[in-house]
């Protein structure tokens, strides 16, 4: 899935939470985005798409709401080309800054 579509899906999830629950998810708390924490394992996405979706979540500061700790070391084991791996390592730097 193209990155812009993954980012749109992420924005849709944030907006839906704001609309249905009446507040923006709180990235500082483990239970700050209840829907994402409870529903994450049910997302039916290609493994690489789900990995990138998770990386984007972490990059914008929502690593705490994930049900499991995200392992950035899997970048090397995924079937990404070198350009994509470099872009994902840049996301890792952003995630470290935002979390």
C-alpha atoms as a PDB file:
ATOM      1  CA  UNK A   1       0.000   0.000   0.000  1.00  0.00           C
ATOM      2  CA  UNK A   2       1.408   3.444  -0.831  1.00  0.00           C
ATOM      3  CA  UNK A   3       2.603   5.545   2.092  1.00  0.00           C
ATOM      4  CA  UNK A   4       0.045   8.277   1.436  1.00  0.00           C
ATOM      5  CA  UNK A   5      -2.779   5.729   1.738  1.00  0.00           C
ATOM      6  CA  UNK A   6      -1.337   4.414   5.014  1.00  0.00           C
ATOM      7  CA  UNK A   7      -1.113   7.970   6.359  1.00  0.00           C
ATOM      8  CA  UNK A   8      -4.695   8.630   5.289  1.00  0.00           C
ATOM      9  CA  UNK A   9      -5.794   5.476   7.129  1.00  0.00           C
ATOM     10  CA  UNK A  10      -3.970   6.722  10.226  1.00  0.00           C
ATOM     11  CA  UNK A  11      -5.633  10.132   9.968  1.00  0.00           C
ATOM     12  CA  UNK A  12      -9.034   8.459   9.520  1.00  0.00           C
ATOM     13  CA  UNK A  13      -8.473   6.422  12.686  1.00  0.00           C
ATOM     14  CA  UNK A  14      -7.505   9.511  14.674  1.00  0.00           C
ATOM     15  CA  UNK A  15     -10.503  11.464  13.378  1.00  0.00           C
ATOM     16  CA  UNK A  16     -12.913   8.588  14.024  1.00  0.00           C
ATOM     17  CA  UNK A  17     -11.742   8.379  17.620  1.00  0.00           C
ATOM     18  CA  UNK A  18     -12.238  12.125  18.023  1.00  0.00           C
ATOM     19  CA  UNK A  19     -15.694  11.896  16.470  1.00  0.00           C
ATOM     20  CA  UNK A  20     -16.973   8.773  18.257  1.00  0.00           C
ATOM     21  CA  UNK A  21     -15.337   9.198  21.661  1.00  0.00           C
ATOM     22  CA  UNK A  22     -15.342  12.996  21.824  1.00  0.00           C
ATOM     23  CA  UNK A  23     -11.619  13.496  22.441  1.00  0.00           C
ATOM     24  CA  UNK A  24      -8.283  13.192  20.680  1.00  0.00           C
ATOM     25  CA  UNK A  25      -6.277  10.116  21.676  1.00  0.00           C
ATOM     26  CA  UNK A  26      -3.650  10.808  24.352  1.00  0.00           C
ATOM     27  CA  UNK A  27      -0.286   9.473  23.174  1.00  0.00           C
ATOM     28  CA  UNK A  28       1.269   9.767  26.641  1.00  0.00           C
ATOM     29  CA  UNK A  29      -0.890   7.090  28.273  1.00  0.00           C
ATOM     30  CA  UNK A  30      -1.010   3.353  27.585  1.00  0.00           C
ATOM     31  CA  UNK A  31      -4.812   3.525  27.570  1.00  0.00           C
ATOM     32  CA  UNK A  32      -4.826   6.896  25.797  1.00  0.00           C
ATOM     33  CA  UNK A  33      -6.296   5.416  22.640  1.00  0.00           C
ATOM     34  CA  UNK A  34      -8.459   2.563  23.860  1.00  0.00           C
ATOM     35  CA  UNK A  35      -9.837   1.657  20.447  1.00  0.00           C
ATOM     36  CA  UNK A  36      -6.373   1.359  18.864  1.00  0.00           C
ATOM     37  CA  UNK A  37      -4.996  -0.657  21.776  1.00  0.00           C
ATOM     38  CA  UNK A  38      -7.908  -3.118  21.697  1.00  0.00           C
ATOM     39  CA  UNK A  39      -8.380  -3.345  17.918  1.00  0.00           C
ATOM     40  CA  UNK A  40      -4.812  -3.299  16.656  1.00  0.00           C
ATOM     41  CA  UNK A  41      -4.423  -7.083  16.424  1.00  0.00           C
ATOM     42  CA  UNK A  42      -7.599  -7.335  14.337  1.00  0.00           C
ATOM     43  CA  UNK A  43      -6.328  -5.054  11.561  1.00  0.00           C
ATOM     44  CA  UNK A  44      -6.335  -7.090   8.366  1.00  0.00           C
ATOM     45  CA  UNK A  45      -3.407  -5.652   6.480  1.00  0.00           C
ATOM     46  CA  UNK A  46      -0.521  -7.065   4.496  1.00  0.00           C
ATOM     47  CA  UNK A  47       2.381  -7.602   6.960  1.00  0.00           C
ATOM     48  CA  UNK A  48       4.536  -4.896   5.342  1.00  0.00           C
ATOM     49  CA  UNK A  49       1.638  -2.432   5.339  1.00  0.00           C
ATOM     50  CA  UNK A  50       0.857  -3.157   8.988  1.00  0.00           C
ATOM     51  CA  UNK A  51       4.520  -2.742   9.840  1.00  0.00           C
ATOM     52  CA  UNK A  52       4.650   0.655   8.127  1.00  0.00           C
ATOM     53  CA  UNK A  53       1.337   1.705   9.707  1.00  0.00           C
ATOM     54  CA  UNK A  54       2.837   0.872  13.103  1.00  0.00           C
ATOM     55  CA  UNK A  55       6.048   2.745  12.280  1.00  0.00           C
ATOM     56  CA  UNK A  56       4.030   5.837  11.327  1.00  0.00           C
ATOM     57  CA  UNK A  57       2.074   5.565  14.592  1.00  0.00           C
ATOM     58  CA  UNK A  58       5.334   5.508  16.514  1.00  0.00           C
ATOM     59  CA  UNK A  59       6.795   8.360  14.460  1.00  0.00           C
ATOM     60  CA  UNK A  60       3.938  10.708  15.357  1.00  0.00           C
ATOM     61  CA  UNK A  61       4.242   9.858  19.041  1.00  0.00           C
ATOM     62  CA  UNK A  62       1.694   7.095  19.600  1.00  0.00           C
ATOM     63  CA  UNK A  63       4.065   4.223  20.506  1.00  0.00           C
ATOM     64  CA  UNK A  64       2.544   4.034  24.005  1.00  0.00           C
ATOM     65  CA  UNK A  65      -0.919   3.121  22.745  1.00  0.00           C
ATOM     66  CA  UNK A  66       0.258  -0.006  20.920  1.00  0.00           C
ATOM     67  CA  UNK A  67      -0.544  -3.305  22.623  1.00  0.00           C
ATOM     68  CA  UNK A  68       3.073  -4.476  22.181  1.00  0.00           C
ATOM     69  CA  UNK A  69       6.417  -2.710  22.005  1.00  0.00           C
ATOM     70  CA  UNK A  70       7.354  -2.012  18.395  1.00  0.00           C
ATOM     71  CA  UNK A  71      10.648  -3.593  17.301  1.00  0.00           C
ATOM     72  CA  UNK A  72      12.485  -1.291  14.921  1.00  0.00           C
ATOM     73  CA  UNK A  73      15.157  -3.942  14.350  1.00  0.00           C
ATOM     74  CA  UNK A  74      12.781  -5.792  12.044  1.00  0.00           C
ATOM     75  CA  UNK A  75      13.510  -3.218   9.342  1.00  0.00           C
ATOM     76  CA  UNK A  76      16.467  -5.362   8.315  1.00  0.00           C
ATOM     77  CA  UNK A  77      14.398  -8.549   8.119  1.00  0.00           C
ATOM     78  CA  UNK A  78      11.545  -7.087   6.079  1.00  0.00           C
ATOM     79  CA  UNK A  79      11.553  -7.224   2.292  1.00  0.00           C
ATOM     80  CA  UNK A  80      12.074  -3.480   1.824  1.00  0.00           C
ATOM     81  CA  UNK A  81      14.534  -2.107  -0.705  1.00  0.00           C
ATOM     82  CA  UNK A  82      17.481  -0.038   0.544  1.00  0.00           C
ATOM     83  CA  UNK A  83      15.785   3.293  -0.194  1.00  0.00           C
ATOM     84  CA  UNK A  84      12.709   2.249   1.793  1.00  0.00           C
ATOM     85  CA  UNK A  85      14.850   0.966   4.669  1.00  0.00           C
ATOM     86  CA  UNK A  86      16.595   4.333   4.874  1.00  0.00           C
ATOM     87  CA  UNK A  87      13.251   6.140   4.964  1.00  0.00           C
ATOM     88  CA  UNK A  88      12.093   3.834   7.756  1.00  0.00           C
ATOM     89  CA  UNK A  89      15.280   4.421   9.763  1.00  0.00           C
ATOM     90  CA  UNK A  90      14.492   8.142   9.464  1.00  0.00           C
ATOM     91  CA  UNK A  91      11.068   7.396  10.959  1.00  0.00           C
ATOM     92  CA  UNK A  92      12.807   5.611  13.818  1.00  0.00           C
ATOM     93  CA  UNK A  93      14.727   8.798  14.623  1.00  0.00           C
ATOM     94  CA  UNK A  94      11.502  10.768  14.579  1.00  0.00           C
ATOM     95  CA  UNK A  95       9.810   8.187  16.815  1.00  0.00           C
ATOM     96  CA  UNK A  96      12.636   8.372  19.346  1.00  0.00           C
ATOM     97  CA  UNK A  97      12.202  12.138  19.458  1.00  0.00           C
ATOM     98  CA  UNK A  98       8.392  12.034  19.798  1.00  0.00           C
ATOM     99  CA  UNK A  99       8.000   9.228  22.341  1.00  0.00           C
END
